[in-house]
Amino acid sequence: MGQVRDWDTYSRPRPRPESNRGLIFKYHPRPVGDIFRGKTAQIEVRESGPRQAEFKLPSLRGCDGSVLLDSTPGKPAEKEHPANNPSLQGFEVIDEAKAQIEAICPKTVSCADIVAFAARDSAFMVRGINYALPAGCRDGRVSLSDDIPQNLSAPFFNATQLEDNFARKGLSRDKMVTLSGAHSIGVSHCSSFSTRLYFFNATHPQDPFMDPNYVAFLKTKCPPSNAGAAINPTVALDIVTPNRLDNNIEEAPWGTDFRPDILSSPSMAKAVMYNAKYGSKWEAKFASAVVRMGYIDVLTGKHGEIRKNCHIVNY
């Protein structure tokens, strides 16, 4: 994958031949590249905010930066939903990058593109994964918390439900497995997976697909939810290599975001084992999957807008 390259100006794009959605490969100028790298470095081992935000961007209305918008009176935004709050962080990094980019290239770079570039650069910083990234996404004007349940994968989804949810967005089973394994940096709040430890179902108090030793460890970090709503600690998504984006979660699927029941499907288990064995192959597949997500229901041309402030729509 090599080093992060020096970019040409954002205004001199190279067309993507196979694109039919108006996206093109663009490279931000050196000062903008410095902004991305400088800001993402601040959180590379803290929350992996931009990378998480990019994974969520295509899941609702497309890659339109909707998760960055603040709530308006009577209309809670996506960021307020329990699926995003309090786990999704790093908004201040995007804000600072946006402010500096606006000073260099006003009304040119969308908030959606900033998240995508920041996520790509953070992947490089914590793994060395680098890839050419399509740009030209425009920002949406709608963000509703109520859109979350029918679009984002819930923590309790089994392998079949996960596959179906990804398929609705045009993502294959292999890409689903690859991206599930990418949840290997940052932290997860206990509230997002505590039901798998204590109240899984009437037959099994804890998720039978989870390693019993790992469940015992997690219980030392996460008390039962009825111990008090204010108690909501965090646990590393990957306890083996918590500060490195890698295929370790595929190799030893103990991450809080990994669905071990994926291994009950022969085809999915085969994909997991392949990713675990061939780290460099997983890196290439990860990059391909992220780029593919960037083409989901994007806004280009005259659709959407280039927000001046990532938190609010233009008026």
Protein backbone atom coordinates (compact mmCIF):
# COMPACT_ATOMS: atom_id res chain seq x y z
CA MET A 1 0.00 0.00 0.00
CA GLY A 2 3.02 2.28 0.52
CA GLN A 3 3.30 5.74 1.94
CA VAL A 4 0.61 8.38 1.82
CA ARG A 5 1.17 10.11 -1.51
CA ASP A 6 1.48 13.81 -2.22
CA TRP A 7 -1.74 15.07 -3.74
CA ASP A 8 -2.33 17.19 -6.80
CA THR A 9 -4.81 20.03 -6.52
CA TYR A 10 -8.40 19.16 -5.70
CA SER A 11 -9.50 21.04 -8.81
CA ARG A 12 -7.58 18.76 -11.20
CA PRO A 13 -9.45 15.45 -11.04
CA ARG A 14 -8.76 12.25 -12.89
CA PRO A 15 -12.03 10.73 -14.16
CA ARG A 16 -12.94 7.28 -12.94
CA PRO A 17 -13.66 5.36 -16.19
CA GLU A 18 -16.15 2.90 -14.74
CA SER A 19 -18.02 5.48 -12.68
CA ASN A 20 -21.68 6.00 -13.43
CA ARG A 21 -22.50 8.06 -10.36
CA GLY A 22 -20.63 11.24 -11.07
CA LEU A 23 -17.80 10.48 -8.65
CA ILE A 24 -14.22 11.08 -9.72
CA PHE A 25 -10.84 10.47 -8.19
CA LYS A 26 -9.63 13.75 -6.74
CA TYR A 27 -6.56 14.53 -4.71
CA HIS A 28 -6.49 17.35 -2.24
CA PRO A 29 -3.57 19.81 -2.32
CA ARG A 30 -0.60 19.34 -0.02
CA PRO A 31 -1.90 21.85 2.62
CA VAL A 32 -5.23 20.02 2.76
CA GLY A 33 -3.42 16.69 3.04
CA ASP A 34 -1.46 18.08 5.97
CA ILE A 35 -4.73 19.10 7.62
CA PHE A 36 -6.21 15.63 7.26
CA ARG A 37 -3.12 13.90 8.57
CA GLY A 38 -2.63 16.35 11.40
CA LYS A 39 -6.20 16.17 12.63
CA THR A 40 -6.71 12.44 12.28
CA ALA A 41 -3.44 11.89 14.16
CA GLN A 42 -5.10 13.45 17.20
CA ILE A 43 -7.53 10.54 17.48
CA GLU A 44 -5.71 7.66 15.82
CA VAL A 45 -5.66 5.64 19.05
CA ARG A 46 -8.61 7.22 20.85
CA GLU A 47 -11.95 6.62 19.20
CA SER A 48 -11.26 6.20 15.48
CA GLY A 49 -14.10 8.67 14.99
CA PRO A 50 -13.70 9.47 11.28
CA ARG A 51 -13.40 5.80 10.33
CA GLN A 52 -16.57 4.92 12.27
CA ALA A 53 -18.36 7.89 10.75
CA GLU A 54 -17.43 6.76 7.24
CA PHE A 55 -18.84 3.28 7.89
CA LYS A 56 -22.12 4.84 8.99
CA LEU A 57 -22.35 7.45 6.23
CA PRO A 58 -23.52 5.11 3.44
CA SER A 59 -25.96 3.24 5.65
CA LEU A 60 -28.86 5.72 5.62
CA ARG A 61 -29.39 8.16 2.77
CA GLY A 62 -25.97 7.58 1.23
CA CYS A 63 -22.56 9.13 1.69
CA ASP A 64 -23.93 12.60 2.34
CA GLY A 65 -22.51 13.59 5.72
CA SER A 66 -25.94 13.36 7.38
CA VAL A 67 -24.46 11.88 10.56
CA LEU A 68 -22.62 15.18 11.15
CA LEU A 69 -25.79 17.31 11.25
CA ASP A 70 -27.11 18.56 14.59
CA SER A 71 -30.69 18.05 15.72
CA THR A 72 -33.33 20.66 15.02
CA PRO A 73 -36.39 21.41 17.20
CA GLY A 74 -38.60 18.31 17.31
CA LYS A 75 -36.33 16.38 14.94
CA PRO A 76 -33.48 14.49 16.67
CA ALA A 77 -30.61 13.87 14.28
CA GLU A 78 -28.84 10.59 13.52
CA LYS A 79 -25.97 11.38 15.88
CA GLU A 80 -28.41 11.35 18.84
CA HIS A 81 -29.59 7.79 18.29
CA PRO A 82 -28.16 5.20 20.76
CA ALA A 83 -26.44 3.49 17.82
CA ASN A 84 -24.27 6.60 17.47
CA ASN A 85 -24.39 8.28 20.87
CA PRO A 86 -22.10 8.16 22.77
CA SER A 87 -19.93 5.83 20.68
CA LEU A 88 -19.45 8.04 17.61
CA GLN A 89 -16.93 10.75 18.42
CA GLY A 90 -14.31 12.88 16.71
CA PHE A 91 -16.69 15.51 15.34
CA GLU A 92 -14.33 18.28 16.46
CA VAL A 93 -11.63 16.85 14.20
CA ILE A 94 -13.92 17.13 11.17
CA ASP A 95 -14.93 20.65 12.25
CA GLU A 96 -11.33 21.84 12.44
CA ALA A 97 -10.43 20.26 9.12
CA LYS A 98 -13.50 21.82 7.50
CA ALA A 99 -12.65 25.29 8.83
CA GLN A 100 -9.09 25.12 7.53
CA ILE A 101 -10.13 23.67 4.18
CA GLU A 102 -12.76 26.38 3.72
CA ALA A 103 -10.02 28.96 4.23
CA ILE A 104 -8.04 27.36 1.37
CA CYS A 105 -10.79 26.09 -0.94
CA PRO A 106 -14.12 27.74 -0.02
CA LYS A 107 -17.35 26.03 -1.08
CA THR A 108 -15.41 23.22 -2.75
CA VAL A 109 -14.91 20.23 -0.44
CA SER A 110 -17.97 18.60 1.11
CA CYS A 111 -18.20 17.41 4.69
CA ALA A 112 -18.88 13.90 3.36
CA ASP A 113 -15.59 13.95 1.44
CA ILE A 114 -13.72 15.27 4.48
CA VAL A 115 -14.94 12.32 6.55
CA ALA A 116 -13.94 9.88 3.80
CA PHE A 117 -10.44 11.33 3.44
CA ALA A 118 -9.95 11.54 7.21
CA ALA A 119 -11.05 7.91 7.58
CA ARG A 120 -8.65 6.83 4.84
CA ASP A 121 -5.75 8.75 6.41
CA SER A 122 -6.53 7.36 9.88
CA ALA A 123 -6.46 3.84 8.38
CA PHE A 124 -2.99 4.62 7.07
CA MET A 125 -1.81 5.91 10.44
CA VAL A 126 -2.93 2.85 12.38
CA ARG A 127 -2.10 0.20 9.79
CA GLY A 128 -0.38 1.67 6.77
CA ILE A 129 -3.39 0.97 4.55
CA ASN A 130 -3.60 3.52 1.75
CA TYR A 131 -5.85 3.65 -1.29
CA ALA A 132 -7.01 6.04 -3.97
CA LEU A 133 -10.34 7.49 -2.98
CA PRO A 134 -13.19 8.77 -5.16
CA ALA A 135 -14.42 12.22 -4.24
CA GLY A 136 -17.07 14.64 -5.37
CA CYS A 137 -19.80 13.63 -2.91
CA ARG A 138 -22.12 16.42 -1.92
CA ASP A 139 -23.75 16.89 1.46
CA GLY A 140 -27.34 16.00 2.26
CA ARG A 141 -29.82 18.22 4.06
CA VAL A 142 -31.70 15.62 6.13
CA SER A 143 -30.67 13.76 9.29
CA LEU A 144 -33.29 11.90 11.33
CA SER A 145 -32.74 9.61 14.28
CA ASP A 146 -35.85 7.64 13.28
CA ASP A 147 -34.07 6.50 10.10
CA ILE A 148 -31.49 4.53 12.09
CA PRO A 149 -33.38 1.33 13.09
CA GLN A 150 -34.33 0.29 9.55
CA ASN A 151 -30.91 1.05 8.09
CA LEU A 152 -28.03 0.45 10.49
CA SER A 153 -27.18 -3.07 11.62
CA ALA A 154 -28.26 -3.56 15.22
CA PRO A 155 -25.88 -5.09 17.82
CA PHE A 156 -28.22 -8.07 18.20
CA PHE A 157 -28.33 -8.95 14.48
CA ASN A 158 -27.29 -12.49 13.63
CA ALA A 159 -25.20 -13.39 10.59
CA THR A 160 -28.20 -13.76 8.27
CA GLN A 161 -29.65 -10.41 9.30
CA LEU A 162 -26.27 -8.76 8.81
CA GLU A 163 -25.90 -10.24 5.35
CA ASP A 164 -29.40 -9.13 4.35
CA ASN A 165 -28.81 -5.62 5.65
CA PHE A 166 -25.57 -5.27 3.70
CA ALA A 167 -27.15 -6.77 0.58
CA ARG A 168 -29.82 -4.06 0.59
CA LYS A 169 -26.99 -1.59 0.15
CA GLY A 170 -25.43 -3.58 -2.65
CA LEU A 171 -22.60 -4.99 -0.52
CA SER A 172 -21.66 -8.65 -0.89
CA ARG A 173 -21.31 -11.25 1.82
CA ASP A 174 -17.53 -11.12 1.51
CA LYS A 175 -17.49 -7.35 1.96
CA MET A 176 -19.73 -7.72 5.00
CA VAL A 177 -17.29 -10.18 6.59
CA THR A 178 -14.32 -7.99 5.67
CA LEU A 179 -15.85 -4.85 7.18
CA SER A 180 -16.99 -6.72 10.30
CA GLY A 181 -13.38 -7.68 10.84
CA ALA A 182 -12.35 -4.05 10.47
CA HIS A 183 -13.95 -3.14 13.79
CA SER A 184 -10.60 -3.60 15.50
CA ILE A 185 -9.65 -0.16 16.78
CA GLY A 186 -11.32 2.20 19.18
CA VAL A 187 -13.71 1.35 21.98
CA SER A 188 -17.27 0.17 22.46
CA HIS A 189 -19.56 1.20 25.29
CA CYS A 190 -20.85 -1.65 27.42
CA SER A 191 -24.44 -0.62 26.68
CA SER A 192 -23.97 -1.60 23.02
CA PHE A 193 -23.35 -5.29 23.77
CA SER A 194 -24.37 -5.94 27.40
CA THR A 195 -27.44 -7.94 26.33
CA ARG A 196 -25.05 -10.50 24.85
CA LEU A 197 -23.51 -10.93 28.31
CA TYR A 198 -26.56 -11.07 30.57
CA PHE A 199 -29.92 -11.16 28.77
CA PHE A 200 -29.34 -12.78 25.38
CA ASN A 201 -32.59 -14.79 25.25
CA ALA A 202 -34.83 -17.02 27.35
CA THR A 203 -32.68 -20.08 26.64
CA HIS A 204 -29.23 -18.55 26.88
CA PRO A 205 -28.45 -15.79 29.39
CA GLN A 206 -25.32 -15.01 27.37
CA ASP A 207 -24.60 -15.25 23.67
CA PRO A 208 -23.68 -18.92 23.08
CA PHE A 209 -21.51 -17.98 20.12
CA MET A 210 -19.19 -15.86 22.27
CA ASP A 211 -16.09 -17.38 23.85
CA PRO A 212 -16.93 -18.08 27.54
CA ASN A 213 -13.56 -16.80 28.72
CA TYR A 214 -14.06 -13.58 26.80
CA VAL A 215 -17.56 -13.20 28.27
CA ALA A 216 -16.11 -13.62 31.76
CA PHE A 217 -13.55 -10.92 31.01
CA LEU A 218 -16.18 -8.53 29.66
CA LYS A 219 -18.35 -9.01 32.74
CA THR A 220 -15.48 -7.71 34.87
CA LYS A 221 -15.59 -4.51 32.80
CA CYS A 222 -19.33 -4.22 32.22
CA PRO A 223 -21.77 -4.61 35.13
CA PRO A 224 -25.38 -5.62 34.43
CA SER A 225 -27.41 -2.76 32.98
CA ASN A 226 -29.70 -2.73 36.02
CA ALA A 227 -26.72 -1.76 38.17
CA GLY A 228 -27.37 1.84 37.19
CA ALA A 229 -27.93 3.70 33.94
CA ALA A 230 -25.03 6.02 34.67
CA ILE A 231 -22.59 3.12 34.58
CA ASN A 232 -21.48 2.75 30.98
CA PRO A 233 -17.77 1.93 30.75
CA THR A 234 -15.88 1.28 27.54
CA VAL A 235 -13.97 -1.76 26.33
CA ALA A 236 -11.51 -1.96 23.46
CA LEU A 237 -13.06 -3.37 20.30
CA ASP A 238 -10.00 -5.59 19.99
CA ILE A 239 -8.29 -6.40 23.29
CA VAL A 240 -5.27 -7.99 21.62
CA THR A 241 -4.17 -5.10 19.37
CA PRO A 242 -6.46 -2.24 20.46
CA ASN A 243 -4.48 0.52 18.77
CA ARG A 244 -3.91 -1.12 15.41
CA LEU A 245 -6.29 -1.63 12.51
CA ASP A 246 -5.63 -5.22 11.51
CA ASN A 247 -7.08 -8.63 10.79
CA ASN A 248 -6.52 -9.80 14.36
CA ILE A 249 -10.23 -9.68 15.07
CA GLU A 250 -10.71 -12.17 12.22
CA GLU A 251 -7.87 -14.30 13.55
CA ALA A 252 -9.20 -14.32 17.12
CA PRO A 253 -12.84 -13.12 16.93
CA TRP A 254 -13.15 -11.73 20.44
CA GLY A 255 -13.99 -8.14 19.55
CA THR A 256 -17.12 -6.64 21.05
CA ASP A 257 -18.40 -5.78 17.56
CA PHE A 258 -17.60 -9.16 15.98
CA ARG A 259 -20.57 -11.54 15.51
CA PRO A 260 -19.10 -14.99 16.26
CA ASP A 261 -22.20 -16.65 14.79
CA ILE A 262 -20.74 -15.66 11.42
CA LEU A 263 -18.58 -18.73 11.91
CA SER A 264 -21.71 -20.92 11.88
CA SER A 265 -22.09 -20.22 8.16
CA PRO A 266 -19.62 -22.33 6.15
CA SER A 267 -19.16 -19.69 3.45
CA MET A 268 -18.73 -16.86 5.96
CA ALA A 269 -16.40 -18.96 8.11
CA LYS A 270 -14.28 -19.64 5.03
CA ALA A 271 -14.04 -15.90 4.36
CA VAL A 272 -13.07 -15.23 8.00
CA MET A 273 -10.35 -17.87 7.91
CA TYR A 274 -8.99 -16.48 4.64
CA ASN A 275 -8.85 -12.95 6.04
CA ALA A 276 -7.19 -14.19 9.22
CA LYS A 277 -4.52 -16.10 7.31
CA TYR A 278 -3.68 -13.49 4.69
CA GLY A 279 -3.34 -10.09 6.30
CA SER A 280 -2.21 -8.30 3.15
CA LYS A 281 -5.16 -9.76 1.23
CA TRP A 282 -7.52 -8.53 3.95
CA GLU A 283 -6.02 -5.04 3.63
CA ALA A 284 -6.74 -4.97 -0.10
CA LYS A 285 -10.27 -6.27 0.46
CA PHE A 286 -10.83 -3.69 3.20
CA ALA A 287 -9.74 -0.86 0.90
CA SER A 288 -11.96 -2.17 -1.90
CA ALA A 289 -14.97 -2.44 0.42
CA VAL A 290 -14.53 1.10 1.75
CA VAL A 291 -14.27 2.52 -1.76
CA ARG A 292 -17.36 0.52 -2.77
CA MET A 293 -19.30 2.01 0.14
CA GLY A 294 -18.46 5.43 -1.20
CA TYR A 295 -20.71 4.79 -4.20
CA ILE A 296 -23.85 4.02 -2.21
CA ASP A 297 -26.62 6.52 -2.97
CA VAL A 298 -24.24 9.44 -3.32
CA LEU A 299 -25.31 12.98 -4.12
CA THR A 300 -23.43 14.57 -7.02
CA GLY A 301 -23.89 17.32 -9.57
CA LYS A 302 -26.73 19.62 -8.57
CA HIS A 303 -28.04 17.27 -5.87
CA GLY A 304 -27.26 18.17 -2.27
CA GLU A 305 -24.92 20.99 -1.31
CA ILE A 306 -21.47 21.84 -0.03
CA ARG A 307 -22.11 22.78 3.59
CA LYS A 308 -20.29 25.77 5.00
CA ASN A 309 -20.64 24.27 8.47
CA CYS A 310 -20.83 20.47 8.78
CA HIS A 311 -23.31 20.73 11.66
CA ILE A 312 -26.03 22.70 9.86
CA VAL A 313 -27.47 22.91 6.36
CA ASN A 314 -26.98 26.00 4.23
CA TYR A 315 -29.77 28.55 4.16
